Amino acid sequence: MLLAAICVGLALGLSAPQGFGLLALAACFGGLALPCYSIAAAHAHDHADPADYVGSVIGPPGAALLMRSFPGGGLFLFIALTQALLLGFVLWRLRQRAAPELRETFDMAATSPAMVGAVIAPGAEGEDRG
């Protein structure tokens, strides 16, 4: 999936298609690149301690530089580049450590950027919360 996202991103960034071709390639790119982010974020969450979470500060300035250098396609080139770096990292990490243990449960609240309201455990709907 990463390799396909890289190829479509390069096609969008280098050829600057118009009309239906642009729409078709952009839809393919979104369908390929966005799930890669979700999978990478879930994998990072599985392996990182909460104290190790950090924000991204390199992405916006890097994207801005490529967008200035390649108007019309720089953003797609930047995303293709980051997808290529992610692919290289994934291949390297696959050789470095074993897969994590399979989790039987998933704490949705732990992945939420902000708690809104209360999280109710399954089956606790009828309990008295007095």
N, C-alpha and C. Protein backbone atom coordinates (compact mmCIF):
# COMPACT_ATOMS: atom_id res chain seq x y z
N MET A 1 0.83 -1.17 0.00
CA MET A 1 0.00 0.00 0.00
C MET A 1 0.88 1.25 0.00
N LEU A 2 1.96 1.24 0.78
CA LEU A 2 2.86 2.40 0.78
C LEU A 2 3.47 2.62 -0.59
N LEU A 3 3.90 1.55 -1.22
CA LEU A 3 4.52 1.67 -2.54
C LEU A 3 3.53 2.24 -3.56
N ALA A 4 2.28 1.79 -3.51
CA ALA A 4 1.26 2.32 -4.42
C ALA A 4 1.00 3.80 -4.14
N ALA A 5 0.95 4.19 -2.85
CA ALA A 5 0.74 5.59 -2.50
C ALA A 5 1.90 6.45 -2.99
N ILE A 6 3.11 5.92 -2.91
CA ILE A 6 4.28 6.65 -3.40
C ILE A 6 4.16 6.88 -4.91
N CYS A 7 3.81 5.83 -5.64
CA CYS A 7 3.69 5.94 -7.10
C CYS A 7 2.61 6.93 -7.51
N VAL A 8 1.45 6.87 -6.88
CA VAL A 8 0.36 7.80 -7.22
C VAL A 8 0.74 9.22 -6.82
N GLY A 9 1.39 9.38 -5.67
CA GLY A 9 1.84 10.71 -5.25
C GLY A 9 2.83 11.31 -6.23
N LEU A 10 3.75 10.49 -6.72
CA LEU A 10 4.71 10.97 -7.71
C LEU A 10 4.01 11.34 -9.02
N ALA A 11 3.04 10.52 -9.42
CA ALA A 11 2.29 10.84 -10.64
C ALA A 11 1.55 12.16 -10.50
N LEU A 12 0.95 12.39 -9.35
CA LEU A 12 0.24 13.66 -9.11
C LEU A 12 1.21 14.84 -9.05
N GLY A 13 2.33 14.63 -8.39
CA GLY A 13 3.28 15.73 -8.20
C GLY A 13 4.06 16.10 -9.43
N LEU A 14 4.36 15.11 -10.26
CA LEU A 14 5.22 15.39 -11.41
C LEU A 14 4.45 15.67 -12.70
N SER A 15 3.26 15.11 -12.84
CA SER A 15 2.54 15.28 -14.10
C SER A 15 1.49 16.39 -14.07
N ALA A 16 1.07 16.83 -12.89
CA ALA A 16 0.05 17.88 -12.72
C ALA A 16 -1.15 17.62 -13.62
N PRO A 17 -1.87 16.50 -13.42
CA PRO A 17 -3.01 16.19 -14.27
C PRO A 17 -4.15 17.19 -14.06
N GLN A 18 -5.07 17.21 -15.00
CA GLN A 18 -6.21 18.13 -14.97
C GLN A 18 -7.51 17.33 -15.08
N GLY A 19 -8.60 17.92 -14.68
CA GLY A 19 -9.92 17.35 -14.88
C GLY A 19 -10.13 16.02 -14.19
N PHE A 20 -10.72 15.07 -14.93
CA PHE A 20 -11.06 13.77 -14.37
C PHE A 20 -9.81 13.00 -13.93
N GLY A 21 -8.73 13.14 -14.67
CA GLY A 21 -7.49 12.45 -14.29
C GLY A 21 -7.01 12.88 -12.91
N LEU A 22 -7.12 14.17 -12.63
CA LEU A 22 -6.75 14.68 -11.31
C LEU A 22 -7.65 14.10 -10.23
N LEU A 23 -8.95 14.09 -10.50
CA LEU A 23 -9.89 13.56 -9.51
C LEU A 23 -9.64 12.07 -9.26
N ALA A 24 -9.42 11.31 -10.31
CA ALA A 24 -9.21 9.87 -10.16
C ALA A 24 -7.92 9.58 -9.40
N LEU A 25 -6.84 10.27 -9.76
CA LEU A 25 -5.57 10.05 -9.06
C LEU A 25 -5.64 10.53 -7.61
N ALA A 26 -6.31 11.66 -7.36
CA ALA A 26 -6.44 12.16 -6.00
C ALA A 26 -7.25 11.20 -5.14
N ALA A 27 -8.31 10.62 -5.69
CA ALA A 27 -9.10 9.64 -4.94
C ALA A 27 -8.27 8.40 -4.63
N CYS A 28 -7.51 7.92 -5.61
CA CYS A 28 -6.63 6.77 -5.36
C CYS A 28 -5.58 7.11 -4.31
N PHE A 29 -5.01 8.29 -4.41
CA PHE A 29 -3.99 8.69 -3.46
C PHE A 29 -4.54 8.75 -2.05
N GLY A 30 -5.71 9.37 -1.88
CA GLY A 30 -6.32 9.44 -0.56
C GLY A 30 -6.65 8.06 -0.02
N GLY A 31 -7.17 7.20 -0.88
CA GLY A 31 -7.50 5.84 -0.45
C GLY A 31 -6.29 5.01 -0.07
N LEU A 32 -5.13 5.35 -0.60
CA LEU A 32 -3.91 4.60 -0.28
C LEU A 32 -3.12 5.24 0.86
N ALA A 33 -3.00 6.55 0.85
CA ALA A 33 -2.14 7.23 1.83
C ALA A 33 -2.78 7.34 3.21
N LEU A 34 -4.06 7.62 3.27
CA LEU A 34 -4.70 7.83 4.58
C LEU A 34 -4.72 6.57 5.44
N PRO A 35 -5.03 5.39 4.90
CA PRO A 35 -4.95 4.19 5.75
C PRO A 35 -3.52 3.91 6.24
N CYS A 36 -2.53 4.27 5.44
CA CYS A 36 -1.14 4.05 5.87
C CYS A 36 -0.85 4.85 7.13
N TYR A 37 -1.35 6.07 7.20
CA TYR A 37 -1.16 6.88 8.40
C TYR A 37 -1.82 6.22 9.60
N SER A 38 -3.05 5.76 9.42
CA SER A 38 -3.78 5.14 10.54
C SER A 38 -3.05 3.90 11.04
N ILE A 39 -2.57 3.09 10.13
CA ILE A 39 -1.84 1.87 10.52
C ILE A 39 -0.54 2.23 11.23
N ALA A 40 0.18 3.22 10.71
CA ALA A 40 1.43 3.63 11.34
C ALA A 40 1.19 4.21 12.72
N ALA A 41 0.13 5.01 12.88
CA ALA A 41 -0.18 5.59 14.19
C ALA A 41 -0.56 4.50 15.19
N ALA A 42 -1.35 3.52 14.75
CA ALA A 42 -1.73 2.43 15.64
C ALA A 42 -0.51 1.61 16.05
N HIS A 43 0.38 1.35 15.12
CA HIS A 43 1.59 0.59 15.42
C HIS A 43 2.48 1.36 16.40
N ALA A 44 2.63 2.66 16.17
CA ALA A 44 3.44 3.47 17.08
C ALA A 44 2.82 3.48 18.47
N HIS A 45 1.52 3.57 18.54
CA HIS A 45 0.83 3.58 19.84
C HIS A 45 1.04 2.27 20.57
N ASP A 46 1.06 1.16 19.83
CA ASP A 46 1.28 -0.15 20.45
C ASP A 46 2.67 -0.28 21.07
N HIS A 47 3.65 0.40 20.50
CA HIS A 47 5.03 0.22 20.94
C HIS A 47 5.57 1.33 21.82
N ALA A 48 4.92 2.47 21.86
CA ALA A 48 5.46 3.61 22.61
C ALA A 48 4.86 3.70 24.00
N ASP A 49 5.66 4.18 24.91
CA ASP A 49 5.16 4.52 26.24
C ASP A 49 4.48 5.87 26.16
N PRO A 50 3.46 6.12 26.98
CA PRO A 50 2.79 7.43 26.93
C PRO A 50 3.75 8.61 27.12
N ALA A 51 4.83 8.42 27.84
CA ALA A 51 5.79 9.51 28.03
C ALA A 51 6.58 9.82 26.76
N ASP A 52 6.53 8.93 25.77
CA ASP A 52 7.30 9.11 24.55
C ASP A 52 6.52 9.77 23.42
N TYR A 53 5.24 10.10 23.61
CA TYR A 53 4.45 10.70 22.55
C TYR A 53 4.93 12.14 22.30
N VAL A 54 5.14 12.47 21.06
CA VAL A 54 5.55 13.83 20.69
C VAL A 54 4.77 14.27 19.46
N GLY A 55 4.76 15.56 19.22
CA GLY A 55 4.08 16.09 18.05
C GLY A 55 5.04 16.24 16.88
N SER A 56 4.48 16.51 15.72
CA SER A 56 5.29 16.67 14.50
C SER A 56 5.54 18.16 14.27
N VAL A 57 6.79 18.49 14.01
CA VAL A 57 7.13 19.88 13.74
C VAL A 57 7.86 20.05 12.41
N ILE A 58 8.26 18.96 11.78
CA ILE A 58 9.03 19.04 10.55
C ILE A 58 8.12 19.07 9.32
N GLY A 59 6.97 18.43 9.42
CA GLY A 59 6.08 18.29 8.28
C GLY A 59 5.63 19.58 7.62
N PRO A 60 5.02 20.50 8.34
CA PRO A 60 4.53 21.72 7.69
C PRO A 60 5.61 22.56 6.99
N PRO A 61 6.77 22.82 7.61
CA PRO A 61 7.78 23.59 6.88
C PRO A 61 8.33 22.83 5.67
N GLY A 62 8.49 21.50 5.80
CA GLY A 62 8.98 20.73 4.65
C GLY A 62 8.00 20.75 3.50
N ALA A 63 6.72 20.60 3.82
CA ALA A 63 5.68 20.64 2.78
C ALA A 63 5.65 22.03 2.13
N ALA A 64 5.78 23.07 2.94
CA ALA A 64 5.74 24.43 2.40
C ALA A 64 6.89 24.67 1.43
N LEU A 65 8.08 24.16 1.75
CA LEU A 65 9.22 24.35 0.84
C LEU A 65 8.99 23.65 -0.50
N LEU A 66 8.48 22.43 -0.46
CA LEU A 66 8.22 21.72 -1.73
C LEU A 66 7.06 22.35 -2.49
N MET A 67 6.07 22.86 -1.77
CA MET A 67 4.95 23.51 -2.45
C MET A 67 5.40 24.80 -3.14
N ARG A 68 6.37 25.49 -2.54
CA ARG A 68 6.90 26.70 -3.17
C ARG A 68 7.76 26.34 -4.39
N SER A 69 8.54 25.26 -4.29
CA SER A 69 9.42 24.86 -5.38
C SER A 69 8.67 24.20 -6.53
N PHE A 70 7.59 23.48 -6.21
CA PHE A 70 6.80 22.77 -7.21
C PHE A 70 5.34 23.17 -7.09
N PRO A 71 4.96 24.38 -7.52
CA PRO A 71 3.56 24.78 -7.39
C PRO A 71 2.65 23.82 -8.16
N GLY A 72 1.57 23.46 -7.53
CA GLY A 72 0.63 22.56 -8.18
C GLY A 72 0.85 21.09 -7.85
N GLY A 73 2.04 20.71 -7.45
CA GLY A 73 2.30 19.31 -7.16
C GLY A 73 3.22 19.06 -5.99
N GLY A 74 3.71 20.12 -5.37
CA GLY A 74 4.67 19.98 -4.28
C GLY A 74 4.14 19.24 -3.07
N LEU A 75 2.87 19.45 -2.74
CA LEU A 75 2.30 18.75 -1.59
C LEU A 75 2.29 17.24 -1.82
N PHE A 76 1.92 16.82 -3.03
CA PHE A 76 1.90 15.39 -3.34
C PHE A 76 3.31 14.81 -3.35
N LEU A 77 4.28 15.59 -3.82
CA LEU A 77 5.66 15.13 -3.77
C LEU A 77 6.14 14.98 -2.33
N PHE A 78 5.77 15.93 -1.47
CA PHE A 78 6.16 15.85 -0.07
C PHE A 78 5.55 14.61 0.58
N ILE A 79 4.27 14.37 0.34
CA ILE A 79 3.62 13.20 0.94
C ILE A 79 4.22 11.92 0.38
N ALA A 80 4.53 11.89 -0.92
CA ALA A 80 5.18 10.70 -1.50
C ALA A 80 6.55 10.47 -0.85
N LEU A 81 7.28 11.55 -0.60
CA LEU A 81 8.57 11.44 0.06
C LEU A 81 8.42 10.90 1.47
N THR A 82 7.44 11.41 2.22
CA THR A 82 7.25 10.90 3.58
C THR A 82 6.77 9.45 3.57
N GLN A 83 5.99 9.07 2.57
CA GLN A 83 5.56 7.68 2.45
C GLN A 83 6.77 6.79 2.15
N ALA A 84 7.68 7.29 1.32
CA ALA A 84 8.89 6.51 1.00
C ALA A 84 9.76 6.36 2.25
N LEU A 85 9.89 7.43 3.03
CA LEU A 85 10.65 7.33 4.28
C LEU A 85 9.99 6.35 5.25
N LEU A 86 8.66 6.39 5.32
CA LEU A 86 7.93 5.45 6.17
C LEU A 86 8.14 4.02 5.70
N LEU A 87 8.10 3.79 4.40
CA LEU A 87 8.33 2.45 3.87
C LEU A 87 9.72 1.95 4.24
N GLY A 88 10.72 2.81 4.08
CA GLY A 88 12.07 2.42 4.47
C GLY A 88 12.17 2.11 5.95
N PHE A 89 11.53 2.92 6.77
CA PHE A 89 11.54 2.69 8.21
C PHE A 89 10.84 1.39 8.57
N VAL A 90 9.70 1.13 7.95
CA VAL A 90 8.95 -0.10 8.21
C VAL A 90 9.79 -1.32 7.86
N LEU A 91 10.41 -1.30 6.70
CA LEU A 91 11.23 -2.44 6.30
C LEU A 91 12.41 -2.64 7.25
N TRP A 92 13.02 -1.56 7.68
CA TRP A 92 14.13 -1.65 8.62
C TRP A 92 13.65 -2.19 9.96
N ARG A 93 12.52 -1.67 10.48
CA ARG A 93 12.02 -2.10 11.79
C ARG A 93 11.55 -3.55 11.79
N LEU A 94 11.05 -4.03 10.67
CA LEU A 94 10.62 -5.43 10.60
C LEU A 94 11.77 -6.38 10.89
N ARG A 95 12.97 -5.94 10.59
CA ARG A 95 14.15 -6.77 10.85
C ARG A 95 14.70 -6.59 12.26
N GLN A 96 14.25 -5.55 12.97
CA GLN A 96 14.83 -5.21 14.26
C GLN A 96 14.12 -5.80 15.46
N ARG A 97 12.81 -6.00 15.38
CA ARG A 97 12.09 -6.48 16.56
C ARG A 97 10.91 -7.35 16.15
N ALA A 98 10.55 -8.22 17.09
CA ALA A 98 9.43 -9.14 16.86
C ALA A 98 8.11 -8.37 16.95
N ALA A 99 7.06 -8.98 16.43
CA ALA A 99 5.73 -8.38 16.47
C ALA A 99 5.26 -8.27 17.92
N PRO A 100 4.45 -7.26 18.23
CA PRO A 100 3.95 -7.13 19.61
C PRO A 100 2.96 -8.25 19.93
N GLU A 101 2.74 -8.44 21.22
CA GLU A 101 1.76 -9.44 21.63
C GLU A 101 0.38 -9.00 21.17
N LEU A 102 -0.44 -9.98 20.84
CA LEU A 102 -1.80 -9.69 20.41
C LEU A 102 -2.61 -9.17 21.58
N ARG A 103 -3.28 -8.04 21.38
CA ARG A 103 -4.10 -7.46 22.44
C ARG A 103 -5.52 -8.01 22.31
N GLU A 104 -6.05 -8.44 23.43
CA GLU A 104 -7.42 -8.96 23.45
C GLU A 104 -8.44 -7.85 23.62
N THR A 105 -8.05 -6.75 24.26
CA THR A 105 -8.96 -5.65 24.48
C THR A 105 -8.35 -4.38 23.90
N PHE A 106 -9.21 -3.40 23.70
CA PHE A 106 -8.76 -2.14 23.14
C PHE A 106 -9.41 -1.01 23.93
N ASP A 107 -8.63 -0.12 24.47
CA ASP A 107 -9.13 1.00 25.26
C ASP A 107 -9.28 2.21 24.36
N MET A 108 -10.50 2.43 23.86
CA MET A 108 -10.76 3.53 22.94
C MET A 108 -10.44 4.89 23.57
N ALA A 109 -10.71 5.03 24.86
CA ALA A 109 -10.47 6.31 25.54
C ALA A 109 -8.98 6.67 25.55
N ALA A 110 -8.11 5.67 25.58
CA ALA A 110 -6.68 5.94 25.63
C ALA A 110 -6.17 6.52 24.31
N THR A 111 -6.91 6.34 23.22
CA THR A 111 -6.47 6.85 21.92
C THR A 111 -7.13 8.17 21.56
N SER A 112 -8.06 8.63 22.39
CA SER A 112 -8.79 9.86 22.11
C SER A 112 -7.92 11.07 22.43
N PRO A 113 -7.90 12.08 21.53
CA PRO A 113 -7.10 13.27 21.83
C PRO A 113 -7.66 14.08 22.99
N ALA A 114 -8.94 13.96 23.26
CA ALA A 114 -9.53 14.67 24.39
C ALA A 114 -10.74 13.88 24.88
N MET A 115 -10.88 13.82 26.19
CA MET A 115 -12.03 13.12 26.76
C MET A 115 -13.25 14.04 26.68
N VAL A 116 -14.31 13.57 26.10
CA VAL A 116 -15.55 14.32 26.03
C VAL A 116 -16.61 13.46 26.67
N GLY A 117 -17.19 13.91 27.78
CA GLY A 117 -18.18 13.10 28.48
C GLY A 117 -17.51 11.97 29.22
N ALA A 118 -18.24 10.92 29.46
CA ALA A 118 -17.73 9.78 30.20
C ALA A 118 -17.66 8.57 29.30
N VAL A 119 -16.71 7.71 29.56
CA VAL A 119 -16.59 6.45 28.84
C VAL A 119 -17.26 5.39 29.69
N ILE A 120 -18.21 4.68 29.10
CA ILE A 120 -18.95 3.66 29.82
C ILE A 120 -18.47 2.31 29.35
N ALA A 121 -18.04 1.47 30.28
CA ALA A 121 -17.58 0.13 29.93
C ALA A 121 -18.75 -0.69 29.40
N PRO A 122 -18.50 -1.57 28.41
CA PRO A 122 -19.57 -2.42 27.90
C PRO A 122 -20.23 -3.21 29.01
N GLY A 123 -21.54 -3.25 29.05
CA GLY A 123 -22.26 -4.00 30.06
C GLY A 123 -22.55 -3.19 31.32
N ALA A 124 -22.04 -1.98 31.40
CA ALA A 124 -22.22 -1.18 32.61
C ALA A 124 -23.41 -0.24 32.50
N GLU A 125 -24.21 -0.35 31.42
CA GLU A 125 -25.32 0.58 31.20
C GLU A 125 -26.35 0.52 32.31
N GLY A 126 -26.62 -0.66 32.86
CA GLY A 126 -27.67 -0.80 33.86
C GLY A 126 -27.20 -0.61 35.29
N GLU A 127 -25.92 -0.42 35.51
CA GLU A 127 -25.39 -0.29 36.87
C GLU A 127 -25.71 1.08 37.44
N ASP A 128 -25.85 1.14 38.76
CA ASP A 128 -26.08 2.41 39.46
C ASP A 128 -24.76 3.14 39.61
N ARG A 129 -24.66 4.35 39.07
CA ARG A 129 -23.41 5.12 39.13
C ARG A 129 -23.47 6.19 40.21
N GLY A 130 -24.47 6.08 41.13
CA GLY A 130 -24.72 6.99 42.22
C GLY A 130 -23.58 7.75 42.67
